[in-house]
Amino acid sequence: MSKLAASHGTWAVHDLSSAADHLRFEADLTGRLLDVSPWRLLTVDVATLDANEA
């Protein structure tokens, strides 16, 4: 978490919860950028998959 908090633009990261919030925001931003790009995005929910299935 300290490495993430030390990165540019992550001043609000100060604990695990705020780190998770920040990473969710970044994932959402990345998704929105990909939505307007010519690339297709495949989202895989790995929470229910083992390594081989993923």
N, C-alpha and C. Protein backbone atom coordinates (compact mmCIF):
# COMPACT_ATOMS: atom_id res chain seq x y z
N MET A 1 0.82 -1.18 0.00
CA MET A 1 0.00 0.00 0.00
C MET A 1 0.87 1.25 0.00
N SER A 2 2.00 1.23 0.66
CA SER A 2 2.85 2.42 0.71
C SER A 2 3.37 2.79 -0.67
N LYS A 3 3.65 1.79 -1.51
CA LYS A 3 4.11 2.07 -2.87
C LYS A 3 3.00 2.77 -3.65
N LEU A 4 1.77 2.30 -3.52
CA LEU A 4 0.65 2.94 -4.20
C LEU A 4 0.46 4.36 -3.68
N ALA A 5 0.51 4.54 -2.38
CA ALA A 5 0.31 5.87 -1.79
C ALA A 5 1.40 6.85 -2.22
N ALA A 6 2.58 6.35 -2.55
CA ALA A 6 3.69 7.22 -2.95
C ALA A 6 3.62 7.61 -4.42
N SER A 7 2.74 6.98 -5.18
CA SER A 7 2.63 7.27 -6.60
C SER A 7 1.94 8.61 -6.84
N HIS A 8 2.26 9.21 -7.97
CA HIS A 8 1.65 10.49 -8.35
C HIS A 8 0.14 10.34 -8.46
N GLY A 9 -0.62 11.25 -7.88
CA GLY A 9 -2.07 11.25 -7.98
C GLY A 9 -2.79 10.35 -7.00
N THR A 10 -2.08 9.85 -6.00
CA THR A 10 -2.70 8.94 -5.04
C THR A 10 -2.65 9.51 -3.62
N TRP A 11 -2.72 10.81 -3.51
CA TRP A 11 -2.61 11.45 -2.19
C TRP A 11 -3.70 10.99 -1.23
N ALA A 12 -4.84 10.52 -1.75
CA ALA A 12 -5.96 10.12 -0.89
C ALA A 12 -5.81 8.69 -0.36
N VAL A 13 -4.79 7.96 -0.80
CA VAL A 13 -4.58 6.58 -0.34
C VAL A 13 -3.84 6.61 0.99
N HIS A 14 -4.52 6.14 2.04
CA HIS A 14 -3.88 6.14 3.36
C HIS A 14 -4.16 4.86 4.14
N ASP A 15 -5.02 4.00 3.60
CA ASP A 15 -5.27 2.70 4.24
C ASP A 15 -5.81 1.74 3.17
N LEU A 16 -6.09 0.53 3.57
CA LEU A 16 -6.52 -0.49 2.62
C LEU A 16 -7.83 -0.11 1.92
N SER A 17 -8.75 0.45 2.67
CA SER A 17 -10.04 0.84 2.09
C SER A 17 -9.88 1.93 1.03
N SER A 18 -9.08 2.93 1.33
CA SER A 18 -8.88 4.01 0.36
C SER A 18 -8.07 3.52 -0.84
N ALA A 19 -7.17 2.57 -0.62
CA ALA A 19 -6.43 1.97 -1.75
C ALA A 19 -7.39 1.23 -2.67
N ALA A 20 -8.31 0.46 -2.10
CA ALA A 20 -9.30 -0.26 -2.90
C ALA A 20 -10.18 0.71 -3.67
N ASP A 21 -10.62 1.78 -3.02
CA ASP A 21 -11.43 2.80 -3.70
C ASP A 21 -10.68 3.40 -4.87
N HIS A 22 -9.42 3.72 -4.66
CA HIS A 22 -8.60 4.32 -5.72
C HIS A 22 -8.45 3.35 -6.89
N LEU A 23 -8.16 2.09 -6.60
CA LEU A 23 -7.97 1.11 -7.67
C LEU A 23 -9.28 0.85 -8.43
N ARG A 24 -10.42 0.88 -7.73
CA ARG A 24 -11.71 0.75 -8.42
C ARG A 24 -11.94 1.93 -9.36
N PHE A 25 -11.61 3.14 -8.89
CA PHE A 25 -11.73 4.33 -9.73
C PHE A 25 -10.86 4.20 -10.97
N GLU A 26 -9.62 3.76 -10.79
CA GLU A 26 -8.70 3.61 -11.92
C GLU A 26 -9.21 2.56 -12.89
N ALA A 27 -9.77 1.47 -12.39
CA ALA A 27 -10.31 0.43 -13.25
C ALA A 27 -11.50 0.96 -14.05
N ASP A 28 -12.36 1.75 -13.40
CA ASP A 28 -13.50 2.35 -14.08
C ASP A 28 -13.03 3.31 -15.18
N LEU A 29 -12.05 4.14 -14.86
CA LEU A 29 -11.50 5.08 -15.83
C LEU A 29 -10.92 4.33 -17.03
N THR A 30 -10.17 3.29 -16.77
CA THR A 30 -9.59 2.49 -17.85
C THR A 30 -10.69 1.89 -18.71
N GLY A 31 -11.74 1.38 -18.09
CA GLY A 31 -12.86 0.83 -18.84
C GLY A 31 -13.54 1.86 -19.72
N ARG A 32 -13.73 3.06 -19.20
CA ARG A 32 -14.37 4.11 -19.99
C ARG A 32 -13.49 4.53 -21.17
N LEU A 33 -12.19 4.56 -20.96
CA LEU A 33 -11.28 4.89 -22.06
C LEU A 33 -11.29 3.80 -23.13
N LEU A 34 -11.34 2.55 -22.70
CA LEU A 34 -11.39 1.46 -23.66
C LEU A 34 -12.72 1.43 -24.41
N ASP A 35 -13.79 1.88 -23.77
CA ASP A 35 -15.10 1.93 -24.43
C ASP A 35 -15.08 2.80 -25.69
N VAL A 36 -14.27 3.82 -25.69
CA VAL A 36 -14.22 4.73 -26.84
C VAL A 36 -13.04 4.43 -27.76
N SER A 37 -12.36 3.34 -27.51
CA SER A 37 -11.24 2.94 -28.36
C SER A 37 -11.70 1.83 -29.31
N PRO A 38 -10.88 1.52 -30.30
CA PRO A 38 -11.24 0.43 -31.21
C PRO A 38 -10.98 -0.96 -30.61
N TRP A 39 -10.43 -1.03 -29.43
CA TRP A 39 -10.11 -2.32 -28.81
C TRP A 39 -11.31 -2.89 -28.09
N ARG A 40 -11.44 -4.20 -28.13
CA ARG A 40 -12.52 -4.88 -27.41
C ARG A 40 -12.00 -5.29 -26.04
N LEU A 41 -12.84 -5.19 -25.05
CA LEU A 41 -12.48 -5.53 -23.68
C LEU A 41 -13.27 -6.76 -23.25
N LEU A 42 -12.58 -7.73 -22.72
CA LEU A 42 -13.21 -8.92 -22.18
C LEU A 42 -12.96 -8.92 -20.68
N THR A 43 -14.02 -8.81 -19.90
CA THR A 43 -13.91 -8.82 -18.45
C THR A 43 -14.13 -10.24 -17.95
N VAL A 44 -13.21 -10.72 -17.14
CA VAL A 44 -13.29 -12.07 -16.59
C VAL A 44 -13.37 -11.97 -15.08
N ASP A 45 -14.43 -12.50 -14.50
CA ASP A 45 -14.58 -12.54 -13.04
C ASP A 45 -13.82 -13.76 -12.53
N VAL A 46 -12.62 -13.53 -12.04
CA VAL A 46 -11.76 -14.65 -11.63
C VAL A 46 -12.05 -15.10 -10.20
N ALA A 47 -12.99 -14.46 -9.54
CA ALA A 47 -13.30 -14.82 -8.15
C ALA A 47 -13.80 -16.25 -8.04
N THR A 48 -14.41 -16.74 -9.09
CA THR A 48 -14.98 -18.10 -9.04
C THR A 48 -14.19 -19.09 -9.87
N LEU A 49 -13.04 -18.67 -10.42
CA LEU A 49 -12.25 -19.53 -11.29
C LEU A 49 -10.93 -19.91 -10.65
N ASP A 50 -10.43 -21.10 -10.99
CA ASP A 50 -9.08 -21.44 -10.57
C ASP A 50 -8.12 -20.95 -11.67
N ALA A 51 -6.83 -21.14 -11.49
CA ALA A 51 -5.83 -20.61 -12.41
C ALA A 51 -6.01 -21.14 -13.83
N ASN A 52 -6.30 -22.42 -13.98
CA ASN A 52 -6.47 -22.99 -15.31
C ASN A 52 -7.71 -22.45 -16.00
N GLU A 53 -8.79 -22.29 -15.27
CA GLU A 53 -10.02 -21.76 -15.86
C GLU A 53 -9.85 -20.30 -16.28
N ALA A 54 -9.15 -19.54 -15.49
CA ALA A 54 -8.94 -18.13 -15.81
C ALA A 54 -8.10 -17.99 -17.05
